[in-house]
């Protein structure tokens, strides 16, 4: 099975993220092994507690044990450090790349 990691940089993709990625992962129907997510730019808004996708992302962390990284600069610039879901790892692209070095595909949107 191929492995995939995602970089999410936009906020206005909630439907795609929810219906095409998160929901299939949680149902075991994604079709690839997910190694990690990296949220940067306006994509960090998906990690805010109570947001549309935060609940599913939190489940992915806890039950699927998928690593979720957030760009520390994007988080700081938007002043969101205290409102994102637990167990998200602030870091840089280097941290994400280190975690996904054996991943077959990295998809960005």
PDB file of N, CA and C in Angstrom:
ATOM      1  N   UNK A   1       0.843  -1.180   0.000  1.00  0.00           N
ATOM      2  CA  UNK A   1       0.000   0.000   0.000  1.00  0.00           C
ATOM      3  C   UNK A   1       0.886   1.241   0.000  1.00  0.00           C
ATOM      4  N   UNK A   2       0.563   2.188  -0.843  1.00  0.00           N
ATOM      5  CA  UNK A   2       1.304   3.448  -0.909  1.00  0.00           C
ATOM      6  C   UNK A   2       1.076   4.261   0.362  1.00  0.00           C
ATOM      7  N   UNK A   3       2.059   5.078   0.712  1.00  0.00           N
ATOM      8  CA  UNK A   3       1.916   5.984   1.849  1.00  0.00           C
ATOM      9  C   UNK A   3       1.820   7.425   1.342  1.00  0.00           C
ATOM     10  N   UNK A   4       1.024   8.211   2.058  1.00  0.00           N
ATOM     11  CA  UNK A   4       0.743   9.587   1.660  1.00  0.00           C
ATOM     12  C   UNK A   4       0.816  10.493   2.877  1.00  0.00           C
ATOM     13  N   UNK A   5       1.301  11.707   2.667  1.00  0.00           N
ATOM     14  CA  UNK A   5       1.260  12.765   3.684  1.00  0.00           C
ATOM     15  C   UNK A   5       0.647  13.994   3.018  1.00  0.00           C
ATOM     16  N   UNK A   6       0.031  14.825   3.825  1.00  0.00           N
ATOM     17  CA  UNK A   6      -0.655  16.001   3.296  1.00  0.00           C
ATOM     18  C   UNK A   6      -0.103  17.283   3.906  1.00  0.00           C
ATOM     19  N   UNK A   7       0.000  18.307   3.068  1.00  0.00           N
ATOM     20  CA  UNK A   7       0.292  19.671   3.510  1.00  0.00           C
ATOM     21  C   UNK A   7      -0.958  20.485   3.220  1.00  0.00           C
ATOM     22  N   UNK A   8      -1.525  21.096   4.257  1.00  0.00           N
ATOM     23  CA  UNK A   8      -2.759  21.867   4.127  1.00  0.00           C
ATOM     24  C   UNK A   8      -2.441  23.335   4.400  1.00  0.00           C
ATOM     25  N   UNK A   9      -2.635  24.181   3.387  1.00  0.00           N
ATOM     26  CA  UNK A   9      -2.282  25.597   3.533  1.00  0.00           C
ATOM     27  C   UNK A   9      -3.462  26.550   3.357  1.00  0.00           C
ATOM     28  N   UNK A  10      -4.640  25.990   3.071  1.00  0.00           N
ATOM     29  CA  UNK A  10      -5.793  26.865   2.818  1.00  0.00           C
ATOM     30  C   UNK A  10      -6.940  26.533   3.765  1.00  0.00           C
ATOM     31  N   UNK A  11      -7.671  27.553   4.140  1.00  0.00           N
ATOM     32  CA  UNK A  11      -8.824  27.372   5.021  1.00  0.00           C
ATOM     33  C   UNK A  11     -10.071  27.006   4.228  1.00  0.00           C
ATOM     34  N   UNK A  12     -10.175  27.492   3.016  1.00  0.00           N
ATOM     35  CA  UNK A  12     -11.415  27.346   2.249  1.00  0.00           C
ATOM     36  C   UNK A  12     -11.557  26.002   1.542  1.00  0.00           C
ATOM     37  N   UNK A  13     -10.974  24.974   2.100  1.00  0.00           N
ATOM     38  CA  UNK A  13     -11.080  23.633   1.522  1.00  0.00           C
ATOM     39  C   UNK A  13     -11.721  22.658   2.516  1.00  0.00           C
ATOM     40  N   UNK A  14     -12.546  23.174   3.418  1.00  0.00           N
ATOM     41  CA  UNK A  14     -13.152  22.349   4.464  1.00  0.00           C
ATOM     42  C   UNK A  14     -13.892  21.144   3.914  1.00  0.00           C
ATOM     43  N   UNK A  15     -14.661  21.350   2.833  1.00  0.00           N
ATOM     44  CA  UNK A  15     -15.440  20.252   2.275  1.00  0.00           C
ATOM     45  C   UNK A  15     -14.540  19.158   1.732  1.00  0.00           C
ATOM     46  N   UNK A  16     -13.518  19.540   0.996  1.00  0.00           N
ATOM     47  CA  UNK A  16     -12.582  18.559   0.429  1.00  0.00           C
ATOM     48  C   UNK A  16     -11.876  17.815   1.551  1.00  0.00           C
ATOM     49  N   UNK A  17     -11.379  18.557   2.531  1.00  0.00           N
ATOM     50  CA  UNK A  17     -10.669  17.943   3.641  1.00  0.00           C
ATOM     51  C   UNK A  17     -11.571  16.962   4.381  1.00  0.00           C
ATOM     52  N   UNK A  18     -12.800  17.379   4.657  1.00  0.00           N
ATOM     53  CA  UNK A  18     -13.720  16.536   5.410  1.00  0.00           C
ATOM     54  C   UNK A  18     -14.186  15.321   4.611  1.00  0.00           C
ATOM     55  N   UNK A  19     -14.693  15.554   3.410  1.00  0.00           N
ATOM     56  CA  UNK A  19     -15.337  14.485   2.642  1.00  0.00           C
ATOM     57  C   UNK A  19     -14.368  13.574   1.887  1.00  0.00           C
ATOM     58  N   UNK A  20     -13.286  14.125   1.384  1.00  0.00           N
ATOM     59  CA  UNK A  20     -12.384  13.339   0.547  1.00  0.00           C
ATOM     60  C   UNK A  20     -11.176  12.770   1.284  1.00  0.00           C
ATOM     61  N   UNK A  21     -10.885  13.321   2.459  1.00  0.00           N
ATOM     62  CA  UNK A  21      -9.680  12.870   3.160  1.00  0.00           C
ATOM     63  C   UNK A  21      -9.999  12.357   4.568  1.00  0.00           C
ATOM     64  N   UNK A  22     -10.513  13.227   5.432  1.00  0.00           N
ATOM     65  CA  UNK A  22     -10.706  12.837   6.829  1.00  0.00           C
ATOM     66  C   UNK A  22     -11.724  11.716   7.000  1.00  0.00           C
ATOM     67  N   UNK A  23     -12.882  11.869   6.408  1.00  0.00           N
ATOM     68  CA  UNK A  23     -13.933  10.862   6.562  1.00  0.00           C
ATOM     69  C   UNK A  23     -13.482   9.487   6.051  1.00  0.00           C
ATOM     70  N   UNK A  24     -12.903   9.393   4.858  1.00  0.00           N
ATOM     71  CA  UNK A  24     -12.413   8.079   4.413  1.00  0.00           C
ATOM     72  C   UNK A  24     -11.322   7.496   5.315  1.00  0.00           C
ATOM     73  N   UNK A  25     -10.450   8.341   5.855  1.00  0.00           N
ATOM     74  CA  UNK A  25      -9.416   7.836   6.763  1.00  0.00           C
ATOM     75  C   UNK A  25     -10.071   7.204   7.983  1.00  0.00           C
ATOM     76  N   UNK A  26     -11.024   7.910   8.580  1.00  0.00           N
ATOM     77  CA  UNK A  26     -11.671   7.421   9.796  1.00  0.00           C
ATOM     78  C   UNK A  26     -12.537   6.192   9.548  1.00  0.00           C
ATOM     79  N   UNK A  27     -12.997   6.007   8.313  1.00  0.00           N
ATOM     80  CA  UNK A  27     -13.782   4.823   7.958  1.00  0.00           C
ATOM     81  C   UNK A  27     -12.898   3.667   7.486  1.00  0.00           C
ATOM     82  N   UNK A  28     -11.592   3.907   7.384  1.00  0.00           N
ATOM     83  CA  UNK A  28     -10.684   2.891   6.888  1.00  0.00           C
ATOM     84  C   UNK A  28     -10.784   2.671   5.394  1.00  0.00           C
ATOM     85  N   UNK A  29     -11.252   3.698   4.668  1.00  0.00           N
ATOM     86  CA  UNK A  29     -11.488   3.581   3.229  1.00  0.00           C
ATOM     87  C   UNK A  29     -10.619   4.515   2.390  1.00  0.00           C
ATOM     88  N   UNK A  30      -9.578   5.050   2.949  1.00  0.00           N
ATOM     89  CA  UNK A  30      -8.771   6.044   2.224  1.00  0.00           C
ATOM     90  C   UNK A  30      -8.004   5.432   1.062  1.00  0.00           C
ATOM     91  N   UNK A  31      -7.482   4.242   1.236  1.00  0.00           N
ATOM     92  CA  UNK A  31      -6.763   3.573   0.155  1.00  0.00           C
ATOM     93  C   UNK A  31      -5.264   3.753   0.192  1.00  0.00           C
ATOM     94  N   UNK A  32      -4.767   4.500   1.165  1.00  0.00           N
ATOM     95  CA  UNK A  32      -3.324   4.676   1.336  1.00  0.00           C
ATOM     96  C   UNK A  32      -3.020   4.771   2.822  1.00  0.00           C
ATOM     97  N   UNK A  33      -1.779   4.490   3.168  1.00  0.00           N
ATOM     98  CA  UNK A  33      -1.344   4.672   4.549  1.00  0.00           C
ATOM     99  C   UNK A  33      -1.008   6.148   4.733  1.00  0.00           C
ATOM    100  N   UNK A  34      -1.615   6.798   5.704  1.00  0.00           N
ATOM    101  CA  UNK A  34      -1.370   8.218   5.953  1.00  0.00           C
ATOM    102  C   UNK A  34      -0.261   8.325   6.988  1.00  0.00           C
ATOM    103  N   UNK A  35       0.802   9.031   6.649  1.00  0.00           N
ATOM    104  CA  UNK A  35       1.924   9.152   7.578  1.00  0.00           C
ATOM    105  C   UNK A  35       1.868  10.424   8.419  1.00  0.00           C
ATOM    106  N   UNK A  36       1.386  11.535   7.849  1.00  0.00           N
ATOM    107  CA  UNK A  36       1.360  12.788   8.612  1.00  0.00           C
ATOM    108  C   UNK A  36       0.594  13.867   7.848  1.00  0.00           C
ATOM    109  N   UNK A  37       0.227  14.893   8.589  1.00  0.00           N
ATOM    110  CA  UNK A  37      -0.335  16.124   8.033  1.00  0.00           C
ATOM    111  C   UNK A  37       0.517  17.284   8.518  1.00  0.00           C
ATOM    112  N   UNK A  38       0.633  18.309   7.689  1.00  0.00           N
ATOM    113  CA  UNK A  38       1.302  19.555   8.074  1.00  0.00           C
ATOM    114  C   UNK A  38       0.359  20.687   7.710  1.00  0.00           C
ATOM    115  N   UNK A  39      -0.060  21.458   8.708  1.00  0.00           N
ATOM    116  CA  UNK A  39      -0.958  22.588   8.501  1.00  0.00           C
ATOM    117  C   UNK A  39      -0.144  23.877   8.591  1.00  0.00           C
ATOM    118  N   UNK A  40      -0.271  24.709   7.564  1.00  0.00           N
ATOM    119  CA  UNK A  40       0.467  25.973   7.511  1.00  0.00           C
ATOM    120  C   UNK A  40      -0.418  27.032   6.872  1.00  0.00           C
ATOM    121  N   UNK A  41       0.019  28.288   6.933  1.00  0.00           N
ATOM    122  CA  UNK A  41      -0.766  29.382   6.371  1.00  0.00           C
ATOM    123  C   UNK A  41      -2.152  29.384   6.987  1.00  0.00           C
ATOM    124  N   UNK A  42      -3.159  29.658   6.180  1.00  0.00           N
ATOM    125  CA  UNK A  42      -4.531  29.669   6.688  1.00  0.00           C
ATOM    126  C   UNK A  42      -5.054  28.268   6.990  1.00  0.00           C
ATOM    127  N   UNK A  43      -4.321  27.249   6.624  1.00  0.00           N
ATOM    128  CA  UNK A  43      -4.704  25.886   6.956  1.00  0.00           C
ATOM    129  C   UNK A  43      -4.734  25.624   8.455  1.00  0.00           C
ATOM    130  N   UNK A  44      -4.026  26.446   9.236  1.00  0.00           N
ATOM    131  CA  UNK A  44      -4.017  26.251  10.687  1.00  0.00           C
ATOM    132  C   UNK A  44      -5.398  26.441  11.303  1.00  0.00           C
ATOM    133  N   UNK A  45      -6.293  27.143  10.619  1.00  0.00           N
ATOM    134  CA  UNK A  45      -7.637  27.350  11.155  1.00  0.00           C
ATOM    135  C   UNK A  45      -8.421  26.045  11.263  1.00  0.00           C
ATOM    136  N   UNK A  46      -8.040  25.022  10.533  1.00  0.00           N
ATOM    137  CA  UNK A  46      -8.699  23.716  10.644  1.00  0.00           C
ATOM    138  C   UNK A  46      -8.429  23.061  11.995  1.00  0.00           C
ATOM    139  N   UNK A  47      -7.428  23.530  12.710  1.00  0.00           N
ATOM    140  CA  UNK A  47      -7.029  22.932  13.981  1.00  0.00           C
ATOM    141  C   UNK A  47      -7.640  23.621  15.200  1.00  0.00           C
ATOM    142  N   UNK A  48      -8.434  24.655  14.993  1.00  0.00           N
ATOM    143  CA  UNK A  48      -9.039  25.379  16.118  1.00  0.00           C
ATOM    144  C   UNK A  48     -10.114  24.516  16.761  1.00  0.00           C
ATOM    145  N   UNK A  49     -10.045  24.410  18.075  1.00  0.00           N
ATOM    146  CA  UNK A  49     -11.055  23.651  18.819  1.00  0.00           C
ATOM    147  C   UNK A  49     -12.444  24.133  18.410  1.00  0.00           C
ATOM    148  N   UNK A  50     -13.315  23.181  18.106  1.00  0.00           N
ATOM    149  CA  UNK A  50     -14.687  23.502  17.727  1.00  0.00           C
ATOM    150  C   UNK A  50     -14.879  23.786  16.250  1.00  0.00           C
ATOM    151  N   UNK A  51     -13.812  23.844  15.485  1.00  0.00           N
ATOM    152  CA  UNK A  51     -13.955  24.095  14.045  1.00  0.00           C
ATOM    153  C   UNK A  51     -14.494  22.861  13.342  1.00  0.00           C
ATOM    154  N   UNK A  52     -14.921  23.037  12.135  1.00  0.00           N
ATOM    155  CA  UNK A  52     -15.580  21.970  11.370  1.00  0.00           C
ATOM    156  C   UNK A  52     -14.778  20.673  11.321  1.00  0.00           C
ATOM    157  N   UNK A  53     -13.482  20.765  11.119  1.00  0.00           N
ATOM    158  CA  UNK A  53     -12.669  19.559  10.951  1.00  0.00           C
ATOM    159  C   UNK A  53     -11.853  19.167  12.175  1.00  0.00           C
ATOM    160  N   UNK A  54     -11.807  20.023  13.175  1.00  0.00           N
ATOM    161  CA  UNK A  54     -10.954  19.753  14.343  1.00  0.00           C
ATOM    162  C   UNK A  54     -11.315  18.455  15.046  1.00  0.00           C
ATOM    163  N   UNK A  55     -12.608  18.156  15.165  1.00  0.00           N
ATOM    164  CA  UNK A  55     -13.031  16.932  15.854  1.00  0.00           C
ATOM    165  C   UNK A  55     -12.461  15.695  15.156  1.00  0.00           C
ATOM    166  N   UNK A  56     -12.581  15.629  13.833  1.00  0.00           N
ATOM    167  CA  UNK A  56     -12.054  14.479  13.090  1.00  0.00           C
ATOM    168  C   UNK A  56     -10.537  14.415  13.131  1.00  0.00           C
ATOM    169  N   UNK A  57      -9.894  15.555  13.104  1.00  0.00           N
ATOM    170  CA  UNK A  57      -8.430  15.588  13.187  1.00  0.00           C
ATOM    171  C   UNK A  57      -7.988  15.067  14.555  1.00  0.00           C
ATOM    172  N   UNK A  58      -8.694  15.467  15.592  1.00  0.00           N
ATOM    173  CA  UNK A  58      -8.378  14.992  16.941  1.00  0.00           C
ATOM    174  C   UNK A  58      -8.528  13.474  17.033  1.00  0.00           C
ATOM    175  N   UNK A  59      -9.575  12.923  16.422  1.00  0.00           N
ATOM    176  CA  UNK A  59      -9.774  11.470  16.400  1.00  0.00           C
ATOM    177  C   UNK A  59      -8.619  10.799  15.657  1.00  0.00           C
ATOM    178  N   UNK A  60      -8.175  11.397  14.559  1.00  0.00           N
ATOM    179  CA  UNK A  60      -7.048  10.829  13.811  1.00  0.00           C
ATOM    180  C   UNK A  60      -5.802  10.753  14.680  1.00  0.00           C
ATOM    181  N   UNK A  61      -5.569  11.780  15.481  1.00  0.00           N
ATOM    182  CA  UNK A  61      -4.405  11.783  16.358  1.00  0.00           C
ATOM    183  C   UNK A  61      -4.526  10.668  17.391  1.00  0.00           C
ATOM    184  N   UNK A  62      -5.690  10.591  18.022  1.00  0.00           N
ATOM    185  CA  UNK A  62      -5.873   9.661  19.135  1.00  0.00           C
ATOM    186  C   UNK A  62      -6.031   8.207  18.697  1.00  0.00           C
ATOM    187  N   UNK A  63      -6.874   7.943  17.722  1.00  0.00           N
ATOM    188  CA  UNK A  63      -7.180   6.563  17.352  1.00  0.00           C
ATOM    189  C   UNK A  63      -6.322   6.033  16.222  1.00  0.00           C
ATOM    190  N   UNK A  64      -6.044   6.856  15.241  1.00  0.00           N
ATOM    191  CA  UNK A  64      -5.259   6.418  14.083  1.00  0.00           C
ATOM    192  C   UNK A  64      -3.770   6.657  14.277  1.00  0.00           C
ATOM    193  N   UNK A  65      -3.422   7.441  15.295  1.00  0.00           N
ATOM    194  CA  UNK A  65      -2.037   7.781  15.616  1.00  0.00           C
ATOM    195  C   UNK A  65      -1.293   8.386  14.434  1.00  0.00           C
ATOM    196  N   UNK A  66      -1.992   9.254  13.718  1.00  0.00           N
ATOM    197  CA  UNK A  66      -1.394   9.983  12.608  1.00  0.00           C
ATOM    198  C   UNK A  66      -0.776  11.261  13.163  1.00  0.00           C
ATOM    199  N   UNK A  67       0.469  11.520  12.819  1.00  0.00           N
ATOM    200  CA  UNK A  67       1.153  12.718  13.305  1.00  0.00           C
ATOM    201  C   UNK A  67       0.586  13.959  12.630  1.00  0.00           C
ATOM    202  N   UNK A  68       0.260  14.955  13.430  1.00  0.00           N
ATOM    203  CA  UNK A  68      -0.265  16.220  12.916  1.00  0.00           C
ATOM    204  C   UNK A  68       0.705  17.320  13.335  1.00  0.00           C
ATOM    205  N   UNK A  69       1.271  17.983  12.338  1.00  0.00           N
ATOM    206  CA  UNK A  69       2.194  19.085  12.580  1.00  0.00           C
ATOM    207  C   UNK A  69       1.521  20.388  12.192  1.00  0.00           C
ATOM    208  N   UNK A  70       1.910  21.461  12.874  1.00  0.00           N
ATOM    209  CA  UNK A  70       1.423  22.789  12.528  1.00  0.00           C
ATOM    210  C   UNK A  70       2.631  23.713  12.434  1.00  0.00           C
ATOM    211  N   UNK A  71       2.632  24.543  11.418  1.00  0.00           N
ATOM    212  CA  UNK A  71       3.716  25.507  11.222  1.00  0.00           C
ATOM    213  C   UNK A  71       3.746  26.463  12.407  1.00  0.00           C
ATOM    214  N   UNK A  72       4.829  26.465  13.138  1.00  0.00           N
ATOM    215  CA  UNK A  72       4.917  27.308  14.323  1.00  0.00           C
ATOM    216  C   UNK A  72       4.829  28.789  13.973  1.00  0.00           C
ATOM    217  N   UNK A  73       5.327  29.175  12.821  1.00  0.00           N
ATOM    218  CA  UNK A  73       5.259  30.581  12.406  1.00  0.00           C
ATOM    219  C   UNK A  73       3.825  30.974  12.073  1.00  0.00           C
ATOM    220  N   UNK A  74       3.105  30.133  11.325  1.00  0.00           N
ATOM    221  CA  UNK A  74       1.710  30.426  10.989  1.00  0.00           C
ATOM    222  C   UNK A  74       0.859  30.502  12.250  1.00  0.00           C
ATOM    223  N   UNK A  75       1.106  29.610  13.172  1.00  0.00           N
ATOM    224  CA  UNK A  75       0.371  29.582  14.441  1.00  0.00           C
ATOM    225  C   UNK A  75       0.620  30.858  15.234  1.00  0.00           C
ATOM    226  N   UNK A  76       1.875  31.256  15.318  1.00  0.00           N
ATOM    227  CA  UNK A  76       2.249  32.465  16.058  1.00  0.00           C
ATOM    228  C   UNK A  76       1.703  33.718  15.381  1.00  0.00           C
ATOM    229  N   UNK A  77       1.860  33.828  14.067  1.00  0.00           N
ATOM    230  CA  UNK A  77       1.402  35.022  13.349  1.00  0.00           C
ATOM    231  C   UNK A  77      -0.104  35.224  13.462  1.00  0.00           C
ATOM    232  N   UNK A  78      -0.853  34.140  13.597  1.00  0.00           N
ATOM    233  CA  UNK A  78      -2.313  34.229  13.712  1.00  0.00           C
ATOM    234  C   UNK A  78      -2.781  34.220  15.167  1.00  0.00           C
ATOM    235  N   UNK A  79      -1.822  34.152  16.078  1.00  0.00           N
ATOM    236  CA  UNK A  79      -2.098  34.158  17.519  1.00  0.00           C
ATOM    237  C   UNK A  79      -3.090  33.059  17.927  1.00  0.00           C
ATOM    238  N   UNK A  80      -2.825  31.854  17.456  1.00  0.00           N
ATOM    239  CA  UNK A  80      -3.733  30.727  17.698  1.00  0.00           C
ATOM    240  C   UNK A  80      -3.131  29.666  18.618  1.00  0.00           C
ATOM    241  N   UNK A  81      -1.995  29.955  19.234  1.00  0.00           N
ATOM    242  CA  UNK A  81      -1.299  28.950  20.030  1.00  0.00           C
ATOM    243  C   UNK A  81      -2.182  28.326  21.112  1.00  0.00           C
ATOM    244  N   UNK A  82      -3.096  29.081  21.689  1.00  0.00           N
ATOM    245  CA  UNK A  82      -3.878  28.589  22.823  1.00  0.00           C
ATOM    246  C   UNK A  82      -5.261  28.065  22.451  1.00  0.00           C
ATOM    247  N   UNK A  83      -5.586  27.997  21.169  1.00  0.00           N
ATOM    248  CA  UNK A  83      -6.936  27.578  20.783  1.00  0.00           C
ATOM    249  C   UNK A  83      -6.958  26.368  19.849  1.00  0.00           C
ATOM    250  N   UNK A  84      -5.818  25.766  19.596  1.00  0.00           N
ATOM    251  CA  UNK A  84      -5.819  24.587  18.719  1.00  0.00           C
ATOM    252  C   UNK A  84      -5.993  23.312  19.548  1.00  0.00           C
ATOM    253  N   UNK A  85      -6.407  22.243  18.878  1.00  0.00           N
ATOM    254  CA  UNK A  85      -6.629  20.970  19.548  1.00  0.00           C
ATOM    255  C   UNK A  85      -5.327  20.426  20.138  1.00  0.00           C
ATOM    256  N   UNK A  86      -5.466  19.549  21.112  1.00  0.00           N
ATOM    257  CA  UNK A  86      -4.319  18.974  21.800  1.00  0.00           C
ATOM    258  C   UNK A  86      -3.559  17.999  20.903  1.00  0.00           C
ATOM    259  N   UNK A  87      -2.302  17.812  21.257  1.00  0.00           N
ATOM    260  CA  UNK A  87      -1.404  16.822  20.639  1.00  0.00           C
ATOM    261  C   UNK A  87      -1.017  17.123  19.199  1.00  0.00           C
ATOM    262  N   UNK A  88      -1.182  18.374  18.779  1.00  0.00           N
ATOM    263  CA  UNK A  88      -0.652  18.818  17.493  1.00  0.00           C
ATOM    264  C   UNK A  88       0.775  19.280  17.761  1.00  0.00           C
ATOM    265  N   UNK A  89       1.685  18.932  16.873  1.00  0.00           N
ATOM    266  CA  UNK A  89       3.095  19.228  17.085  1.00  0.00           C
ATOM    267  C   UNK A  89       3.510  20.495  16.341  1.00  0.00           C
ATOM    268  N   UNK A  90       3.763  21.591  17.062  1.00  0.00           N
ATOM    269  CA  UNK A  90       4.290  22.784  16.379  1.00  0.00           C
ATOM    270  C   UNK A  90       5.694  22.488  15.849  1.00  0.00           C
ATOM    271  N   UNK A  91       5.971  22.973  14.646  1.00  0.00           N
ATOM    272  CA  UNK A  91       7.287  22.728  14.088  1.00  0.00           C
ATOM    273  C   UNK A  91       7.481  23.433  12.766  1.00  0.00           C
ATOM    274  N   UNK A  92       8.434  22.925  12.018  1.00  0.00           N
ATOM    275  CA  UNK A  92       8.783  23.495  10.725  1.00  0.00           C
ATOM    276  C   UNK A  92       8.610  22.423   9.649  1.00  0.00           C
ATOM    277  N   UNK A  93       8.773  22.829   8.411  1.00  0.00           N
ATOM    278  CA  UNK A  93       8.719  21.845   7.321  1.00  0.00           C
ATOM    279  C   UNK A  93       9.801  20.781   7.494  1.00  0.00           C
ATOM    280  N   UNK A  94      10.942  21.150   8.052  1.00  0.00           N
ATOM    281  CA  UNK A  94      11.999  20.157   8.281  1.00  0.00           C
ATOM    282  C   UNK A  94      11.488  19.044   9.195  1.00  0.00           C
ATOM    283  N   UNK A  95      10.756  19.402  10.249  1.00  0.00           N
ATOM    284  CA  UNK A  95      10.192  18.382  11.144  1.00  0.00           C
ATOM    285  C   UNK A  95       9.253  17.453  10.378  1.00  0.00           C
ATOM    286  N   UNK A  96       8.417  18.053   9.550  1.00  0.00           N
ATOM    287  CA  UNK A  96       7.478  17.283   8.737  1.00  0.00           C
ATOM    288  C   UNK A  96       8.228  16.376   7.758  1.00  0.00           C
ATOM    289  N   UNK A  97       9.228  16.921   7.085  1.00  0.00           N
ATOM    290  CA  UNK A  97      10.001  16.118   6.131  1.00  0.00           C
ATOM    291  C   UNK A  97      10.744  14.978   6.822  1.00  0.00           C
ATOM    292  N   UNK A  98      11.281  15.245   8.008  1.00  0.00           N
ATOM    293  CA  UNK A  98      11.953  14.181   8.759  1.00  0.00           C
ATOM    294  C   UNK A  98      10.973  13.049   9.078  1.00  0.00           C
ATOM    295  N   UNK A  99       9.737  13.413   9.427  1.00  0.00           N
ATOM    296  CA  UNK A  99       8.716  12.421   9.792  1.00  0.00           C
ATOM    297  C   UNK A  99       8.183  11.670   8.576  1.00  0.00           C
ATOM    298  N   UNK A 100       8.352  12.232   7.403  1.00  0.00           N
ATOM    299  CA  UNK A 100       7.771  11.627   6.204  1.00  0.00           C
ATOM    300  C   UNK A 100       8.837  11.205   5.187  1.00  0.00           C
ATOM    301  N   UNK A 101      10.038  10.994   5.638  1.00  0.00           N
ATOM    302  CA  UNK A 101      11.137  10.700   4.711  1.00  0.00           C
ATOM    303  C   UNK A 101      10.919   9.426   3.888  1.00  0.00           C
ATOM    304  N   UNK A 102      10.156   8.485   4.404  1.00  0.00           N
ATOM    305  CA  UNK A 102       9.892   7.244   3.673  1.00  0.00           C
ATOM    306  C   UNK A 102       8.513   7.238   3.000  1.00  0.00           C
ATOM    307  N   UNK A 103       7.840   8.355   3.009  1.00  0.00           N
ATOM    308  CA  UNK A 103       6.496   8.451   2.428  1.00  0.00           C
ATOM    309  C   UNK A 103       6.582   8.481   0.901  1.00  0.00           C
ATOM    310  N   UNK A 104       5.675   7.760   0.254  1.00  0.00           N
ATOM    311  CA  UNK A 104       5.672   7.707  -1.210  1.00  0.00           C
ATOM    312  C   UNK A 104       5.262   9.019  -1.859  1.00  0.00           C
ATOM    313  N   UNK A 105       4.237   9.670  -1.319  1.00  0.00           N
ATOM    314  CA  UNK A 105       3.710  10.894  -1.939  1.00  0.00           C
ATOM    315  C   UNK A 105       3.376  11.936  -0.877  1.00  0.00           C
ATOM    316  N   UNK A 106       3.711  13.185  -1.169  1.00  0.00           N
ATOM    317  CA  UNK A 106       3.279  14.302  -0.343  1.00  0.00           C
ATOM    318  C   UNK A 106       2.382  15.152  -1.209  1.00  0.00           C
ATOM    319  N   UNK A 107       1.161  15.359  -0.725  1.00  0.00           N
ATOM    320  CA  UNK A 107       0.146  16.115  -1.472  1.00  0.00           C
ATOM    321  C   UNK A 107      -0.118  17.412  -0.748  1.00  0.00           C
ATOM    322  N   UNK A 108      -0.154  18.486  -1.507  1.00  0.00           N
ATOM    323  CA  UNK A 108      -0.378  19.811  -0.922  1.00  0.00           C
ATOM    324  C   UNK A 108      -1.624  20.445  -1.507  1.00  0.00           C
ATOM    325  N   UNK A 109      -2.414  21.065  -0.637  1.00  0.00           N
ATOM    326  CA  UNK A 109      -3.567  21.834  -1.085  1.00  0.00           C
ATOM    327  C   UNK A 109      -3.909  22.873  -0.072  1.00  0.00           C
TER     328      UNK A 109
END
